[in-house]
Protein backbone atom coordinates (compact mmCIF):
# COMPACT_ATOMS: atom_id res chain seq x y z
CA MET A 1 -2.12 -4.01 -27.93
CA ILE A 2 -5.33 -3.12 -30.17
CA HIS A 3 -2.92 -2.21 -32.82
CA ASP A 4 -0.48 -4.94 -32.26
CA TYR A 5 -3.26 -7.58 -32.49
CA VAL A 6 -4.72 -5.79 -35.37
CA GLU A 7 -1.69 -6.44 -37.49
CA ALA A 8 -1.48 -9.64 -36.36
CA LEU A 9 -4.58 -10.36 -37.76
CA LYS A 10 -3.53 -9.29 -40.78
CA VAL A 11 -0.14 -11.30 -40.77
CA GLN A 12 -2.41 -14.18 -41.01
CA GLY A 13 -4.51 -13.56 -43.75
CA ILE A 14 -7.80 -13.48 -41.72
CA TYR A 15 -7.82 -9.41 -40.93
CA ASP A 16 -10.61 -8.59 -44.15
CA GLU A 17 -12.93 -11.76 -43.25
CA MET A 18 -13.17 -11.00 -39.68
CA VAL A 19 -14.21 -7.12 -40.86
CA LEU A 20 -17.13 -8.44 -42.93
CA GLN A 21 -18.27 -10.44 -39.51
CA VAL A 22 -18.68 -7.29 -37.91
CA LYS A 23 -20.23 -5.78 -40.66
CA LYS A 24 -23.24 -7.99 -41.11
CA PHE A 25 -25.83 -9.58 -39.59
CA LYS A 26 -28.11 -13.07 -40.10
CA LEU A 27 -31.98 -12.31 -40.16
CA VAL A 28 -33.62 -15.67 -39.71
CA THR A 29 -37.17 -15.47 -40.31
CA LYS A 30 -39.54 -18.27 -38.75
CA PHE A 31 -43.05 -19.83 -39.55
CA PHE A 32 -45.68 -21.18 -37.60
CA ASP A 33 -48.92 -23.25 -37.63
CA ALA A 34 -52.28 -21.66 -36.12
CA PHE A 35 -51.50 -24.32 -33.13
CA GLY A 36 -47.98 -21.75 -32.56
CA GLU A 37 -46.22 -24.83 -33.81
CA THR A 38 -42.82 -24.20 -35.59
CA VAL A 39 -43.51 -25.02 -39.12
CA ASP A 40 -40.37 -27.77 -39.52
CA ASN A 41 -37.64 -26.55 -42.34
CA TYR A 42 -39.27 -23.71 -43.03
CA SER A 43 -37.49 -20.81 -42.43
CA VAL A 44 -36.26 -17.77 -44.27
CA GLN A 45 -32.42 -16.57 -43.89
CA ASP A 46 -31.20 -13.64 -44.78
CA VAL A 47 -28.01 -11.74 -44.87
CA PHE A 48 -27.18 -7.86 -43.84
CA THR A 49 -24.56 -5.35 -43.86
CA THR A 50 -24.16 -3.31 -41.25
CA ASN A 51 -24.52 0.86 -41.62
CA ASP A 52 -22.57 3.29 -39.62
CA ILE A 53 -25.19 3.91 -36.98
CA ASP A 54 -24.78 -0.10 -35.81
CA ILE A 55 -20.95 0.06 -36.01
CA ASP A 56 -21.12 3.23 -33.98
CA ARG A 57 -23.68 1.21 -31.43
CA GLN A 58 -20.90 -1.71 -31.59
CA PHE A 59 -18.11 0.60 -30.65
CA ARG A 60 -19.51 2.04 -27.97
CA LEU A 61 -20.09 -1.41 -26.14
CA ALA A 62 -16.62 -1.97 -26.70
CA GLU A 63 -15.48 1.20 -25.21
CA ALA A 64 -17.48 -0.03 -22.03
CA LYS A 65 -15.48 -3.19 -21.93
CA LEU A 66 -12.53 -0.92 -22.32
CA GLY A 67 -13.82 1.18 -18.91
CA ASN A 68 -15.25 4.16 -21.01
CA GLU A 69 -11.85 5.84 -21.00
CA GLY A 70 -11.96 6.74 -24.14
CA VAL A 71 -9.31 3.79 -25.13
CA GLY A 72 -10.83 3.27 -28.87
CA ILE A 73 -11.02 7.46 -28.94
CA VAL A 74 -6.96 7.56 -27.97
CA TYR A 75 -7.00 4.60 -30.82
CA GLY A 76 -8.71 6.35 -33.67
CA ASN A 77 -6.52 9.74 -33.09
CA GLN A 78 -3.08 7.72 -33.49
CA TYR A 79 -4.47 4.70 -36.13
CA MET A 80 -7.28 6.28 -38.46
CA ASP A 81 -7.51 5.52 -41.68
CA THR A 82 -8.72 9.65 -43.01
CA ASP A 83 -10.02 7.29 -46.21
CA ASN A 84 -12.27 5.18 -44.21
CA PRO A 85 -12.46 6.41 -40.91
CA SER A 86 -14.72 3.87 -39.72
CA VAL A 87 -12.02 1.14 -39.63
CA PHE A 88 -10.73 2.12 -36.07
CA LYS A 89 -13.78 1.42 -34.86
CA ILE A 90 -13.76 -2.28 -36.40
CA ASP A 91 -10.22 -2.78 -35.21
CA VAL A 92 -11.46 -1.81 -31.00
CA ILE A 93 -14.94 -4.21 -31.81
CA LEU A 94 -12.03 -6.78 -32.78
CA TYR A 95 -10.23 -6.56 -30.53
CA VAL A 96 -12.53 -6.71 -27.73
CA SER A 97 -14.52 -9.85 -28.58
CA ASP A 98 -11.31 -11.55 -28.22
CA ASP A 99 -11.29 -13.28 -24.57
CA GLU A 100 -7.55 -14.13 -25.05
CA CYS A 101 -6.46 -10.17 -25.86
CA MET A 102 -8.98 -9.20 -22.92
CA ASN A 103 -7.14 -12.01 -20.25
CA ARG A 104 -4.17 -10.29 -21.19
CA LEU A 105 -4.83 -6.53 -21.03
CA HIS A 106 -6.42 -7.15 -17.45
CA ALA A 107 -3.29 -8.77 -16.23
CA TYR A 108 -1.62 -5.54 -18.41
CA ALA A 109 -3.76 -3.57 -16.26
CA GLU A 110 -3.15 -5.39 -12.90
CA LYS A 111 0.53 -5.09 -12.88
CA ARG A 112 0.55 -1.29 -14.01
CA PHE A 113 -2.26 -0.91 -11.26
CA HIS A 114 0.17 -2.20 -8.64
CA GLY A 115 3.24 -1.09 -9.27
CA LEU A 116 1.70 3.03 -9.91
CA ASN A 117 0.14 2.43 -6.77
CA ASP A 118 3.35 0.97 -4.66
CA ASP A 119 5.27 3.98 -6.22
CA TYR A 120 3.22 6.66 -5.69
CA ARG A 121 1.23 5.98 -1.94
CA ARG A 122 4.24 6.86 -0.02
CA TYR A 123 3.92 10.37 -1.65
CA ILE A 124 0.33 11.14 -1.31
CA ALA A 125 0.76 10.18 2.81
CA THR A 126 2.95 13.93 2.53
CA ILE A 127 0.26 15.67 0.52
CA ASP A 128 -2.06 18.19 2.17
CA SER A 129 -4.72 18.80 -0.12
CA ASP A 130 -7.81 16.32 1.13
CA LYS A 131 -9.24 16.61 -2.77
CA ILE A 132 -5.99 14.74 -3.74
CA ARG A 133 -6.11 11.93 -1.20
CA ARG A 134 -9.76 11.58 -1.60
CA GLN A 135 -9.04 10.89 -5.23
CA TYR A 136 -6.23 8.51 -4.75
CA ASP A 137 -8.04 6.53 -1.59
CA ASN A 138 -11.46 6.07 -4.81
CA ILE A 139 -9.52 5.31 -7.31
CA VAL A 140 -7.11 2.43 -5.08
CA SER A 141 -10.25 1.33 -3.49
CA ASP A 142 -11.76 0.45 -7.03
CA GLY A 143 -8.81 -0.58 -8.29
CA ASP A 144 -8.90 -4.18 -6.66
CA ILE A 145 -11.24 -6.37 -4.38
CA VAL A 146 -8.70 -5.78 -1.46
CA SER A 147 -7.12 -2.61 -2.07
CA LYS A 148 -3.62 -1.34 -0.54
CA HIS A 149 -3.78 2.44 0.55
CA ASN A 150 -2.58 5.61 2.98
CA PHE A 151 -4.93 5.22 6.36
CA ARG A 152 -5.93 8.45 6.62
CA LEU A 153 -9.52 9.63 7.88
CA PRO A 154 -10.93 12.73 6.22
CA GLU A 155 -11.63 16.26 7.38
CA THR A 156 -15.54 15.50 7.41
CA ILE A 157 -18.08 12.75 6.31
CA GLN A 158 -21.06 12.24 6.39
CA VAL A 159 -22.42 11.76 9.77
CA PRO A 160 -24.76 8.76 10.45
CA HIS A 161 -27.58 9.34 11.82
CA ASP A 162 -29.83 6.60 11.88
CA ASP A 163 -33.62 6.48 12.63
CA GLY A 164 -34.49 4.96 15.80
CA GLY A 165 -30.71 4.84 16.78
CA LYS A 166 -28.64 6.30 19.55
CA GLU A 167 -27.10 9.35 20.58
CA TYR A 168 -23.24 8.71 20.64
CA ASP A 169 -21.11 12.42 21.95
CA ASN A 170 -17.99 10.56 21.57
CA HIS A 171 -18.25 9.13 17.91
CA LEU A 172 -15.02 11.15 16.33
CA PHE A 173 -17.36 12.32 13.83
CA VAL A 174 -20.41 14.19 15.05
CA ASN A 175 -22.74 16.35 13.96
CA SER A 176 -21.59 19.99 13.84
CA VAL A 177 -25.44 21.22 14.85
CA THR A 178 -26.02 18.70 16.98
CA GLY A 179 -22.64 17.55 18.85
CA VAL A 180 -23.77 13.71 18.24
CA ALA A 181 -23.35 10.98 16.14
CA LYS A 182 -27.01 8.88 16.26
CA LEU A 183 -26.17 5.09 15.34
CA LYS A 184 -28.26 2.25 15.50
CA LEU A 185 -25.88 -0.79 16.53
CA ASN A 186 -26.83 -3.84 16.78
CA THR A 187 -26.24 -6.41 20.58
CA TRP A 188 -22.89 -6.94 20.18
CA GLU A 189 -21.60 -3.87 18.73
CA ALA A 190 -23.42 -1.85 21.33
CA GLY A 191 -22.36 -3.94 24.41
CA VAL A 192 -18.46 -3.41 22.95
CA ILE A 193 -18.87 0.07 22.61
CA GLU A 194 -20.68 0.34 26.25
CA GLU A 195 -17.39 -1.93 27.66
CA GLU A 196 -14.67 0.25 25.98
CA GLU A 197 -16.50 3.73 27.20
CA LYS A 198 -15.98 2.43 30.72
CA CYS A 199 -11.84 2.06 30.27
CA GLU A 200 -9.88 4.95 32.03
CA ASP A 201 -7.84 5.35 28.25
CA PHE A 202 -11.01 5.49 26.25
CA VAL A 203 -11.19 8.69 23.85
CA CYS A 204 -13.44 7.68 20.83
CA TRP A 205 -14.35 5.60 18.68
CA ILE A 206 -15.19 5.85 14.46
CA ARG A 207 -17.98 3.03 13.30
CA ASN A 208 -15.93 1.82 10.39
CA PRO A 209 -18.10 1.91 7.45
CA SER A 210 -17.93 -0.97 4.74
CA ARG A 211 -16.22 0.13 1.28
CA ALA A 212 -15.91 3.85 2.23
CA SER A 213 -12.70 5.06 0.18
CA TRP A 214 -11.25 6.13 3.40
CA ALA A 215 -12.42 3.05 5.62
CA MET A 216 -9.61 0.49 7.30
CA CYS A 217 -9.82 -2.35 5.14
CA ILE A 218 -7.77 -5.99 5.91
CA PRO A 219 -7.36 -8.87 3.68
CA TYR A 220 -8.59 -12.70 4.11
CA GLU A 221 -8.27 -15.39 2.27
CA ILE A 222 -11.33 -17.75 2.24
CA ASP A 223 -11.60 -20.80 -0.61
CA GLY A 224 -8.68 -19.34 -1.72
CA GLU A 225 -9.76 -16.48 -3.03
CA THR A 226 -9.01 -13.01 -1.12
CA LYS A 227 -11.72 -11.06 0.04
CA PRO A 228 -11.81 -7.31 2.12
CA ALA A 229 -12.77 -7.16 6.16
CA PHE A 230 -13.62 -3.99 8.03
CA PRO A 231 -13.16 -4.18 11.30
CA ASP A 232 -17.08 -2.90 12.88
CA PHE A 233 -14.74 -0.21 15.45
CA ILE A 234 -11.88 1.80 14.78
CA VAL A 235 -10.89 2.76 18.94
CA VAL A 236 -8.28 5.79 20.13
CA ARG A 237 -7.33 5.39 23.53
CA ARG A 238 -4.51 7.49 25.14
CA ASP A 239 -1.39 6.10 25.74
CA GLU A 240 1.36 7.78 27.68
CA ARG A 241 4.28 7.32 25.60
CA LEU A 242 2.92 7.73 22.19
CA GLY A 243 -0.33 10.11 23.32
CA TYR A 244 -2.75 8.09 21.40
CA VAL A 245 -3.11 4.56 20.21
CA ILE A 246 -5.79 3.36 17.75
CA ASP A 247 -7.90 -0.28 18.11
CA LEU A 248 -9.63 -2.19 15.59
CA LEU A 249 -12.42 -4.27 16.77
CA GLU A 250 -14.32 -6.48 15.30
CA PRO A 251 -17.16 -8.36 17.18
CA HIS A 252 -18.03 -11.56 14.90
CA ASN A 253 -20.39 -14.44 15.06
CA PRO A 254 -18.57 -17.55 15.73
CA GLU A 255 -21.52 -19.42 12.98
CA PHE A 256 -19.72 -17.24 10.01
CA LYS A 257 -17.70 -19.55 7.90
CA ASP A 258 -14.72 -16.51 7.53
CA ASN A 259 -13.69 -16.50 11.14
CA LEU A 260 -10.68 -18.90 10.56
CA GLY A 261 -9.79 -16.68 7.40
CA LYS A 262 -10.75 -13.13 8.68
CA ALA A 263 -8.48 -14.75 12.42
CA LYS A 264 -5.67 -15.30 10.10
CA GLY A 265 -5.86 -11.99 8.08
CA PHE A 266 -6.40 -10.02 11.83
CA ALA A 267 -3.43 -11.82 12.43
CA GLU A 268 -0.97 -10.74 9.72
CA TYR A 269 -1.99 -7.59 9.66
CA ALA A 270 -1.44 -7.69 12.91
CA ARG A 271 2.36 -8.39 12.10
CA GLN A 272 2.75 -6.55 9.64
CA ASN A 273 1.53 -2.89 11.22
CA PRO A 274 3.04 -3.06 14.91
CA GLY A 275 1.96 0.76 14.97
CA VAL A 276 -1.43 -0.21 15.65
CA GLY A 277 -2.76 -1.64 19.41
CA ARG A 278 -4.76 -3.97 19.93
CA ILE A 279 -6.56 -5.76 17.23
CA GLN A 280 -8.99 -8.13 18.46
CA LEU A 281 -11.33 -10.72 17.00
CA ILE A 282 -14.45 -10.59 20.14
CA ARG A 283 -17.44 -13.04 20.25
CA MET A 284 -19.84 -13.55 23.26
CA SER A 285 -19.18 -16.30 25.70
CA LYS A 286 -19.90 -17.49 29.48
CA ASP A 287 -17.80 -16.28 32.06
CA ALA A 288 -17.36 -18.56 35.01
CA ALA A 289 -20.58 -17.50 36.47
CA GLY A 290 -22.30 -18.67 33.36
CA LYS A 291 -22.94 -14.58 32.46
CA ASN A 292 -23.09 -13.86 28.96
CA ARG A 293 -19.68 -11.66 27.94
CA PHE A 294 -17.65 -10.25 24.99
CA LYS A 295 -14.49 -12.06 25.06
CA ARG A 296 -11.75 -11.11 22.98
CA LEU A 297 -8.90 -12.57 20.93
CA ASP A 298 -6.18 -9.82 20.81
CA MET A 299 -3.73 -10.38 17.35
CA SER A 300 -1.41 -8.03 19.13
CA LYS A 301 -0.09 -10.57 21.04
CA SER A 302 2.31 -12.32 19.23
CA ALA A 303 2.32 -15.58 21.28
CA ILE A 304 -1.70 -15.63 19.86
CA ARG A 305 -0.77 -14.23 16.64
CA ASP A 306 1.37 -17.13 16.22
CA LYS A 307 -1.16 -19.30 17.10
CA VAL A 308 -4.40 -18.29 14.85
CA SER A 309 -1.14 -18.08 11.87
CA HIS A 310 -0.89 -21.95 12.45
CA ALA A 311 -4.04 -23.05 12.86
CA MET A 312 -5.49 -24.78 9.81
CA THR A 313 -9.26 -25.88 10.91
CA ILE A 314 -12.16 -23.59 12.58
CA ASP A 315 -12.42 -26.16 15.92
CA GLU A 316 -8.45 -25.03 16.95
CA LEU A 317 -9.56 -21.56 16.51
CA ASP A 318 -12.50 -22.32 19.14
CA HIS A 319 -9.75 -24.01 21.31
CA ILE A 320 -7.63 -20.84 20.76
CA PHE A 321 -10.33 -18.71 22.09
CA ASP A 322 -11.10 -21.43 24.97
CA THR A 323 -7.33 -20.90 26.10
CA ASP A 324 -6.05 -17.44 24.97
CA ALA A 325 -9.27 -15.02 24.69
CA PHE A 326 -9.88 -12.94 27.68
CA PHE A 327 -13.10 -10.64 29.54
CA MET A 328 -12.40 -7.42 29.93
């Protein structure tokens, strides 16, 4: 792409002039009076030609915009003029400084990235090497705002040990010495876990950390932009037919403006992933006796999922909570 761009500049007859622009800079000297005011129409302007050191500086900046992956060096290895070895650096500088070129590059990279990810993600799931899976997950997590990857828990993690937190021995990952994970949850989060622990089929739970390479991520839209949602908890329950089932729970304040977007995102995720158990958006609400309790809207239920998918306003979502959400 860099070579094609440079050849097009040469055909247009503007390449040499643009090279000169890269090689020179202007130094303007202004004069001020004793009171710090500029002296009108009194300045000196000089034009200097840059040396190889400054070309190298500009080239490093261009390389940084290309991801610091050595793209410019690869281009130089293929197209460098041995009689003028710095020219390939100028080519890269010119390419990166053109906004249209960079926009085309980003579009190409995004399409190529998603194509490779779609082609290989099913093979990664069968690989036994935890190292390769971690590398894959790190690449995919960095590759997009919301990334598709196979959700697979790592063998080990950095076990949470929050100061002032509560010790949990039923967190899936615990400290190998103490046998507990020390987690500081807010009131809603702690209350939801307390409710889960009382269920007969409850096995264990996992705090789903935002932006961790392995974390469960669900895409949703707000104001026309795709965002990542990381449900707070992954809960493991016993199931008579499957052995175990995985639930996704998200205690979420109804005052947040992302409620409708997240609810619709969870509903769509539930539709596409029938193997997941409960997928719940959870709010604090008062029961018939006026007591504060957690009210759950379960997107794994097809009727609820259909209502949420068609909701257009937060008021409609609130109404669905009133009519279809439940207390445990």
